[in-house]
PDB file of N, CA and C in Angstrom:
ATOM      1  N   MET A   1     -36.777  -4.798 -15.696  1.00  0.00           N
ATOM      2  CA  MET A   1     -35.451  -4.427 -15.214  1.00  0.00           C
ATOM      3  C   MET A   1     -34.527  -4.224 -16.414  1.00  0.00           C
ATOM      4  N   SER A   2     -33.666  -3.236 -16.352  1.00  0.00           N
ATOM      5  CA  SER A   2     -32.777  -2.923 -17.465  1.00  0.00           C
ATOM      6  C   SER A   2     -31.645  -3.937 -17.573  1.00  0.00           C
ATOM      7  N   GLY A   3     -30.907  -3.857 -18.675  1.00  0.00           N
ATOM      8  CA  GLY A   3     -29.811  -4.777 -18.919  1.00  0.00           C
ATOM      9  C   GLY A   3     -28.512  -4.373 -18.252  1.00  0.00           C
ATOM     10  N   LEU A   4     -28.532  -3.333 -17.439  1.00  0.00           N
ATOM     11  CA  LEU A   4     -27.315  -2.891 -16.767  1.00  0.00           C
ATOM     12  C   LEU A   4     -26.993  -3.791 -15.590  1.00  0.00           C
ATOM     13  N   LYS A   5     -25.717  -4.005 -15.384  1.00  0.00           N
ATOM     14  CA  LYS A   5     -25.270  -4.779 -14.231  1.00  0.00           C
ATOM     15  C   LYS A   5     -25.422  -3.946 -12.970  1.00  0.00           C
ATOM     16  N   LYS A   6     -25.614  -4.615 -11.860  1.00  0.00           N
ATOM     17  CA  LYS A   6     -25.706  -3.913 -10.588  1.00  0.00           C
ATOM     18  C   LYS A   6     -24.380  -3.192 -10.329  1.00  0.00           C
ATOM     19  N   GLY A   7     -24.470  -1.937  -9.931  1.00  0.00           N
ATOM     20  CA  GLY A   7     -23.266  -1.163  -9.649  1.00  0.00           C
ATOM     21  C   GLY A   7     -22.714  -0.427 -10.851  1.00  0.00           C
ATOM     22  N   THR A   8     -23.340  -0.571 -12.015  1.00  0.00           N
ATOM     23  CA  THR A   8     -22.879   0.129 -13.199  1.00  0.00           C
ATOM     24  C   THR A   8     -23.140   1.621 -13.043  1.00  0.00           C
ATOM     25  N   LYS A   9     -22.105   2.417 -13.219  1.00  0.00           N
ATOM     26  CA  LYS A   9     -22.245   3.866 -13.096  1.00  0.00           C
ATOM     27  C   LYS A   9     -22.736   4.439 -14.422  1.00  0.00           C
ATOM     28  N   LEU A  10     -23.760   5.250 -14.351  1.00  0.00           N
ATOM     29  CA  LEU A  10     -24.236   5.950 -15.529  1.00  0.00           C
ATOM     30  C   LEU A  10     -23.475   7.261 -15.620  1.00  0.00           C
ATOM     31  N   THR A  11     -22.942   7.557 -16.799  1.00  0.00           N
ATOM     32  CA  THR A  11     -22.135   8.755 -16.970  1.00  0.00           C
ATOM     33  C   THR A  11     -22.350   9.342 -18.352  1.00  0.00           C
ATOM     34  N   ASP A  12     -22.135  10.636 -18.464  1.00  0.00           N
ATOM     35  CA  ASP A  12     -22.220  11.310 -19.755  1.00  0.00           C
ATOM     36  C   ASP A  12     -20.922  11.163 -20.540  1.00  0.00           C
ATOM     37  N   ASN A  13     -19.868  10.717 -19.874  1.00  0.00           N
ATOM     38  CA  ASN A  13     -18.559  10.601 -20.512  1.00  0.00           C
ATOM     39  C   ASN A  13     -17.940   9.251 -20.161  1.00  0.00           C
ATOM     40  N   PRO A  14     -18.423   8.168 -20.786  1.00  0.00           N
ATOM     41  CA  PRO A  14     -17.882   6.848 -20.446  1.00  0.00           C
ATOM     42  C   PRO A  14     -16.419   6.718 -20.865  1.00  0.00           C
ATOM     43  N   LYS A  15     -15.662   5.977 -20.093  1.00  0.00           N
ATOM     44  CA  LYS A  15     -14.243   5.750 -20.383  1.00  0.00           C
ATOM     45  C   LYS A  15     -14.119   4.361 -21.010  1.00  0.00           C
ATOM     46  N   ASP A  16     -14.151   4.310 -22.337  1.00  0.00           N
ATOM     47  CA  ASP A  16     -14.167   3.046 -23.060  1.00  0.00           C
ATOM     48  C   ASP A  16     -12.780   2.535 -23.445  1.00  0.00           C
ATOM     49  N   TYR A  17     -11.750   3.334 -23.282  1.00  0.00           N
ATOM     50  CA  TYR A  17     -10.415   2.957 -23.736  1.00  0.00           C
ATOM     51  C   TYR A  17      -9.478   2.766 -22.557  1.00  0.00           C
ATOM     52  N   LEU A  18      -8.646   1.749 -22.656  1.00  0.00           N
ATOM     53  CA  LEU A  18      -7.675   1.428 -21.621  1.00  0.00           C
ATOM     54  C   LEU A  18      -6.285   1.744 -22.159  1.00  0.00           C
ATOM     55  N   LEU A  19      -5.484   2.456 -21.382  1.00  0.00           N
ATOM     56  CA  LEU A  19      -4.127   2.824 -21.769  1.00  0.00           C
ATOM     57  C   LEU A  19      -3.156   2.157 -20.811  1.00  0.00           C
ATOM     58  N   ARG A  20      -2.197   1.468 -21.348  1.00  0.00           N
ATOM     59  CA  ARG A  20      -1.172   0.828 -20.527  1.00  0.00           C
ATOM     60  C   ARG A  20       0.146   1.541 -20.790  1.00  0.00           C
ATOM     61  N   VAL A  21       0.824   1.934 -19.723  1.00  0.00           N
ATOM     62  CA  VAL A  21       2.049   2.722 -19.850  1.00  0.00           C
ATOM     63  C   VAL A  21       3.151   2.083 -19.025  1.00  0.00           C
ATOM     64  N   ARG A  22       4.349   2.042 -19.586  1.00  0.00           N
ATOM     65  CA  ARG A  22       5.508   1.538 -18.840  1.00  0.00           C
ATOM     66  C   ARG A  22       6.204   2.729 -18.189  1.00  0.00           C
ATOM     67  N   LEU A  23       6.447   2.630 -16.881  1.00  0.00           N
ATOM     68  CA  LEU A  23       7.102   3.697 -16.131  1.00  0.00           C
ATOM     69  C   LEU A  23       8.270   3.143 -15.337  1.00  0.00           C
ATOM     70  N   ASP A  24       9.288   3.974 -15.139  1.00  0.00           N
ATOM     71  CA  ASP A  24      10.352   3.580 -14.220  1.00  0.00           C
ATOM     72  C   ASP A  24       9.895   3.908 -12.801  1.00  0.00           C
ATOM     73  N   GLU A  25      10.632   3.437 -11.823  1.00  0.00           N
ATOM     74  CA  GLU A  25      10.237   3.595 -10.422  1.00  0.00           C
ATOM     75  C   GLU A  25      10.138   5.066 -10.018  1.00  0.00           C
ATOM     76  N   GLN A  26      11.064   5.880 -10.511  1.00  0.00           N
ATOM     77  CA  GLN A  26      11.079   7.303 -10.164  1.00  0.00           C
ATOM     78  C   GLN A  26       9.828   8.014 -10.693  1.00  0.00           C
ATOM     79  N   THR A  27       9.468   7.744 -11.933  1.00  0.00           N
ATOM     80  CA  THR A  27       8.289   8.372 -12.522  1.00  0.00           C
ATOM     81  C   THR A  27       7.014   7.900 -11.837  1.00  0.00           C
ATOM     82  N   LEU A  28       6.948   6.626 -11.502  1.00  0.00           N
ATOM     83  CA  LEU A  28       5.792   6.098 -10.780  1.00  0.00           C
ATOM     84  C   LEU A  28       5.664   6.767  -9.415  1.00  0.00           C
ATOM     85  N   GLY A  29       6.783   6.989  -8.761  1.00  0.00           N
ATOM     86  CA  GLY A  29       6.771   7.679  -7.475  1.00  0.00           C
ATOM     87  C   GLY A  29       6.233   9.096  -7.599  1.00  0.00           C
ATOM     88  N   LYS A  30       6.618   9.781  -8.669  1.00  0.00           N
ATOM     89  CA  LYS A  30       6.119  11.138  -8.907  1.00  0.00           C
ATOM     90  C   LYS A  30       4.612  11.121  -9.143  1.00  0.00           C
ATOM     91  N   LEU A  31       4.150  10.156  -9.918  1.00  0.00           N
ATOM     92  CA  LEU A  31       2.720  10.023 -10.181  1.00  0.00           C
ATOM     93  C   LEU A  31       1.956   9.768  -8.889  1.00  0.00           C
ATOM     94  N   ASP A  32       2.455   8.849  -8.083  1.00  0.00           N
ATOM     95  CA  ASP A  32       1.785   8.529  -6.821  1.00  0.00           C
ATOM     96  C   ASP A  32       1.791   9.710  -5.855  1.00  0.00           C
ATOM     97  N   LYS A  33       2.861  10.493  -5.852  1.00  0.00           N
ATOM     98  CA  LYS A  33       2.916  11.682  -4.995  1.00  0.00           C
ATOM     99  C   LYS A  33       1.861  12.695  -5.435  1.00  0.00           C
ATOM    100  N   CYS A  34       1.719  12.899  -6.733  1.00  0.00           N
ATOM    101  CA  CYS A  34       0.686  13.798  -7.254  1.00  0.00           C
ATOM    102  C   CYS A  34      -0.700  13.316  -6.842  1.00  0.00           C
ATOM    103  N   CYS A  35      -0.919  12.014  -6.927  1.00  0.00           N
ATOM    104  CA  CYS A  35      -2.209  11.433  -6.536  1.00  0.00           C
ATOM    105  C   CYS A  35      -2.494  11.691  -5.066  1.00  0.00           C
ATOM    106  N   GLU A  36      -1.497  11.479  -4.237  1.00  0.00           N
ATOM    107  CA  GLU A  36      -1.649  11.649  -2.790  1.00  0.00           C
ATOM    108  C   GLU A  36      -1.959  13.102  -2.428  1.00  0.00           C
ATOM    109  N   VAL A  37      -1.193  14.024  -2.995  1.00  0.00           N
ATOM    110  CA  VAL A  37      -1.346  15.442  -2.666  1.00  0.00           C
ATOM    111  C   VAL A  37      -2.680  15.989  -3.175  1.00  0.00           C
ATOM    112  N   LYS A  38      -3.066  15.598  -4.385  1.00  0.00           N
ATOM    113  CA  LYS A  38      -4.280  16.128  -4.987  1.00  0.00           C
ATOM    114  C   LYS A  38      -5.528  15.328  -4.632  1.00  0.00           C
ATOM    115  N   GLY A  39      -5.355  14.152  -4.044  1.00  0.00           N
ATOM    116  CA  GLY A  39      -6.503  13.331  -3.681  1.00  0.00           C
ATOM    117  C   GLY A  39      -7.211  12.734  -4.883  1.00  0.00           C
ATOM    118  N   LEU A  40      -6.435  12.412  -5.916  1.00  0.00           N
ATOM    119  CA  LEU A  40      -6.984  11.854  -7.148  1.00  0.00           C
ATOM    120  C   LEU A  40      -6.393  10.476  -7.396  1.00  0.00           C
ATOM    121  N   ASN A  41      -7.050   9.702  -8.251  1.00  0.00           N
ATOM    122  CA  ASN A  41      -6.471   8.415  -8.620  1.00  0.00           C
ATOM    123  C   ASN A  41      -5.524   8.607  -9.812  1.00  0.00           C
ATOM    124  N   ARG A  42      -4.776   7.578 -10.131  1.00  0.00           N
ATOM    125  CA  ARG A  42      -3.779   7.677 -11.206  1.00  0.00           C
ATOM    126  C   ARG A  42      -4.413   8.063 -12.536  1.00  0.00           C
ATOM    127  N   SER A  43      -5.549   7.464 -12.843  1.00  0.00           N
ATOM    128  CA  SER A  43      -6.206   7.753 -14.119  1.00  0.00           C
ATOM    129  C   SER A  43      -6.556   9.226 -14.250  1.00  0.00           C
ATOM    130  N   GLU A  44      -7.090   9.809 -13.188  1.00  0.00           N
ATOM    131  CA  GLU A  44      -7.492  11.215 -13.252  1.00  0.00           C
ATOM    132  C   GLU A  44      -6.277  12.127 -13.377  1.00  0.00           C
ATOM    133  N   VAL A  45      -5.183  11.805 -12.701  1.00  0.00           N
ATOM    134  CA  VAL A  45      -3.962  12.614 -12.829  1.00  0.00           C
ATOM    135  C   VAL A  45      -3.442  12.543 -14.264  1.00  0.00           C
ATOM    136  N   VAL A  46      -3.461  11.363 -14.863  1.00  0.00           N
ATOM    137  CA  VAL A  46      -3.009  11.212 -16.251  1.00  0.00           C
ATOM    138  C   VAL A  46      -3.930  11.985 -17.191  1.00  0.00           C
ATOM    139  N   ARG A  47      -5.248  11.882 -17.002  1.00  0.00           N
ATOM    140  CA  ARG A  47      -6.189  12.624 -17.848  1.00  0.00           C
ATOM    141  C   ARG A  47      -5.925  14.128 -17.770  1.00  0.00           C
ATOM    142  N   ARG A  48      -5.723  14.625 -16.557  1.00  0.00           N
ATOM    143  CA  ARG A  48      -5.460  16.060 -16.385  1.00  0.00           C
ATOM    144  C   ARG A  48      -4.136  16.459 -17.028  1.00  0.00           C
ATOM    145  N   GLY A  49      -3.148  15.584 -16.949  1.00  0.00           N
ATOM    146  CA  GLY A  49      -1.869  15.852 -17.603  1.00  0.00           C
ATOM    147  C   GLY A  49      -2.016  15.930 -19.111  1.00  0.00           C
ATOM    148  N   ILE A  50      -2.830  15.051 -19.670  1.00  0.00           N
ATOM    149  CA  ILE A  50      -3.086  15.077 -21.113  1.00  0.00           C
ATOM    150  C   ILE A  50      -3.786  16.375 -21.490  1.00  0.00           C
ATOM    151  N   GLU A  51      -4.780  16.778 -20.708  1.00  0.00           N
ATOM    152  CA  GLU A  51      -5.486  18.037 -20.976  1.00  0.00           C
ATOM    153  C   GLU A  51      -4.535  19.224 -20.919  1.00  0.00           C
ATOM    154  N   GLN A  52      -3.629  19.220 -19.953  1.00  0.00           N
ATOM    155  CA  GLN A  52      -2.660  20.310 -19.817  1.00  0.00           C
ATOM    156  C   GLN A  52      -1.733  20.351 -21.030  1.00  0.00           C
ATOM    157  N   GLN A  53      -1.218  19.211 -21.450  1.00  0.00           N
ATOM    158  CA  GLN A  53      -0.339  19.157 -22.610  1.00  0.00           C
ATOM    159  C   GLN A  53      -1.075  19.582 -23.883  1.00  0.00           C
ATOM    160  N   TYR A  54      -2.322  19.140 -24.020  1.00  0.00           N
ATOM    161  CA  TYR A  54      -3.120  19.497 -25.190  1.00  0.00           C
ATOM    162  C   TYR A  54      -3.361  21.005 -25.249  1.00  0.00           C
ATOM    163  N   ALA A  55      -3.637  21.618 -24.104  1.00  0.00           N
ATOM    164  CA  ALA A  55      -3.855  23.065 -24.046  1.00  0.00           C
ATOM    165  C   ALA A  55      -2.603  23.819 -24.484  1.00  0.00           C
ATOM    166  N   GLU A  56      -1.434  23.326 -24.108  1.00  0.00           N
ATOM    167  CA  GLU A  56      -0.176  23.960 -24.513  1.00  0.00           C
ATOM    168  C   GLU A  56       0.045  23.840 -26.015  1.00  0.00           C
ATOM    169  N   VAL A  57      -0.314  22.719 -26.591  1.00  0.00           N
ATOM    170  CA  VAL A  57      -0.143  22.498 -28.026  1.00  0.00           C
ATOM    171  C   VAL A  57      -1.070  23.410 -28.832  1.00  0.00           C
ATOM    172  N   GLN A  58      -2.235  23.712 -28.285  1.00  0.00           N
ATOM    173  CA  GLN A  58      -3.220  24.532 -28.988  1.00  0.00           C
ATOM    174  C   GLN A  58      -2.870  26.015 -29.007  1.00  0.00           C
ATOM    175  N   LYS A  59      -1.899  26.447 -28.215  1.00  0.00           N
ATOM    176  CA  LYS A  59      -1.523  27.871 -28.155  1.00  0.00           C
ATOM    177  C   LYS A  59      -0.830  28.316 -29.415  1.00  0.00           C
TER     178      LYS A  59
END
């Protein structure tokens, strides 16, 4: 048996870093609304936002 814990997800892109962000109530509400409408969790919305900002910087 392998050394992996039960329930460990195997992925090609592991998420090894944790980011903690301070938000005001209004910004948190906007984030949660985006999550609800798009059907994504907070982490995925933040990742996509970073990708969008990075793409703009590369232009």
